[in-house]
Amino acid sequence: MSFWRREVIPFALSQETRLHMDEQRAWIQREPHNGRPYYNLAQLYRIDGRQDEALGLLLEAVRLEDGLSEAHVSLAEIYAVREDYRAAWRHARAAERSGVSSASDLLKRYGLPE
């Protein structure tokens, strides 16, 4: 593997991710009652492998904006991986109420119990 692929590219991606994280944190500071930056920051944490922190941010996002279907979908995904199918289905159904069925479709496809 080349130096660029082993050293430079991961560093650059990490720096870019941290820059976007800082932007979302600043947005949260400006608008603490807006669920969108919590969702965005959670997605960046998921990319960074920080699943527990992402879960907390997603729960805060839906607490602030229950109709934020993208956050419910992400919660359904996280809970399905953790084998908490009851919680996964709860968030999949919440996303469906907002018109997004992708989480329910995924859970059905894999035959996960409700």
Protein backbone atom coordinates (compact mmCIF):
# COMPACT_ATOMS: atom_id res chain seq x y z
CA MET A 1 0.00 0.00 0.00
CA SER A 2 1.36 3.42 -0.91
CA PHE A 3 2.26 6.12 1.57
CA TRP A 4 -0.63 8.25 0.27
CA ARG A 5 -3.25 5.57 0.90
CA ARG A 6 -1.78 4.52 4.23
CA GLU A 7 -0.93 7.92 5.74
CA VAL A 8 -2.16 10.98 3.88
CA ILE A 9 -5.69 10.08 2.83
CA PRO A 10 -6.90 8.81 6.26
CA PHE A 11 -5.41 11.90 7.93
CA ALA A 12 -7.10 14.25 5.46
CA LEU A 13 -10.45 12.50 5.85
CA SER A 14 -10.14 12.60 9.62
CA GLN A 15 -9.35 16.32 9.55
CA GLU A 16 -12.32 16.99 7.26
CA THR A 17 -14.64 14.98 9.51
CA ARG A 18 -13.47 16.92 12.57
CA LEU A 19 -14.04 20.21 10.75
CA HIS A 20 -17.63 19.17 10.00
CA MET A 21 -18.11 18.04 13.60
CA ASP A 22 -17.00 21.47 14.81
CA GLU A 23 -19.49 23.11 12.43
CA GLN A 24 -22.34 21.02 13.81
CA ARG A 25 -21.33 21.72 17.42
CA ALA A 26 -21.34 25.45 16.64
CA TRP A 27 -24.82 25.10 15.10
CA ILE A 28 -26.01 23.34 18.27
CA GLN A 29 -24.63 26.24 20.31
CA ARG A 30 -26.54 28.73 18.15
CA GLU A 31 -29.77 26.69 17.97
CA PRO A 32 -29.92 24.22 20.88
CA HIS A 33 -33.59 23.43 20.21
CA ASN A 34 -33.06 22.43 16.57
CA GLY A 35 -32.84 18.66 16.07
CA ARG A 36 -31.08 18.82 12.68
CA PRO A 37 -27.52 19.58 13.89
CA TYR A 38 -27.80 16.82 16.51
CA TYR A 39 -28.73 14.41 13.71
CA ASN A 40 -25.89 15.65 11.49
CA LEU A 41 -23.33 15.37 14.28
CA ALA A 42 -24.59 11.86 15.10
CA GLN A 43 -24.01 10.77 11.51
CA LEU A 44 -20.43 12.07 11.68
CA TYR A 45 -19.92 10.21 14.97
CA ARG A 46 -21.22 7.02 13.36
CA ILE A 47 -18.65 7.43 10.58
CA ASP A 48 -15.98 7.96 13.24
CA GLY A 49 -17.02 4.75 15.06
CA ARG A 50 -18.47 6.55 18.07
CA GLN A 51 -21.75 4.65 18.17
CA ASP A 52 -22.73 5.36 21.79
CA GLU A 53 -22.29 9.10 21.35
CA ALA A 54 -24.21 8.95 18.07
CA LEU A 55 -27.06 7.15 19.81
CA GLY A 56 -27.33 9.87 22.44
CA LEU A 57 -27.33 12.62 19.82
CA LEU A 58 -30.00 10.87 17.76
CA LEU A 59 -32.21 10.44 20.82
CA GLU A 60 -31.84 14.15 21.52
CA ALA A 61 -32.66 14.96 17.88
CA VAL A 62 -35.96 13.06 18.02
CA ARG A 63 -36.74 14.47 21.46
CA LEU A 64 -36.48 17.94 19.97
CA GLU A 65 -38.16 17.07 16.64
CA ASP A 66 -40.16 13.86 16.73
CA GLY A 67 -40.92 14.19 13.00
CA LEU A 68 -37.23 14.02 12.04
CA SER A 69 -37.60 10.78 10.13
CA GLU A 70 -33.92 10.48 9.20
CA ALA A 71 -33.01 10.35 12.88
CA HIS A 72 -35.63 7.67 13.52
CA VAL A 73 -34.22 5.60 10.63
CA SER A 74 -30.70 5.89 12.04
CA LEU A 75 -31.97 4.89 15.48
CA ALA A 76 -33.72 1.87 14.00
CA GLU A 77 -30.45 0.84 12.33
CA ILE A 78 -28.42 1.23 15.51
CA TYR A 79 -30.94 -0.65 17.64
CA ALA A 80 -31.21 -3.45 15.08
CA VAL A 81 -27.44 -3.95 15.16
CA ARG A 82 -27.59 -4.01 18.97
CA GLU A 83 -30.39 -6.59 18.72
CA ASP A 84 -32.84 -4.33 20.56
CA TYR A 85 -35.58 -5.11 18.06
CA ARG A 86 -38.36 -3.56 20.10
CA ALA A 87 -36.61 -0.18 20.02
CA ALA A 88 -35.68 -0.66 16.36
CA TRP A 89 -39.30 -1.21 15.42
CA ARG A 90 -40.47 1.72 17.57
CA HIS A 91 -38.22 4.08 15.62
CA ALA A 92 -39.01 2.45 12.29
CA ARG A 93 -42.71 3.05 12.95
CA ALA A 94 -42.01 6.66 13.94
CA ALA A 95 -40.19 7.16 10.63
CA GLU A 96 -43.15 5.61 8.81
CA ARG A 97 -45.49 8.14 10.43
CA SER A 98 -43.35 10.81 8.76
CA GLY A 99 -43.64 9.05 5.41
CA VAL A 100 -40.32 7.16 5.37
CA SER A 101 -40.58 3.37 5.26
CA SER A 102 -36.94 2.44 4.63
CA ALA A 103 -36.27 1.32 8.22
CA SER A 104 -39.42 -0.81 8.37
CA ASP A 105 -38.59 -2.29 4.98
CA LEU A 106 -35.10 -3.19 6.21
CA LEU A 107 -36.37 -4.80 9.41
CA LYS A 108 -38.99 -6.78 7.48
CA ARG A 109 -36.44 -7.88 4.87
CA TYR A 110 -34.24 -9.39 7.57
CA GLY A 111 -37.21 -10.89 9.40
CA LEU A 112 -36.52 -9.11 12.65
CA PRO A 113 -39.24 -9.67 15.26
CA GLU A 114 -41.45 -6.79 16.34
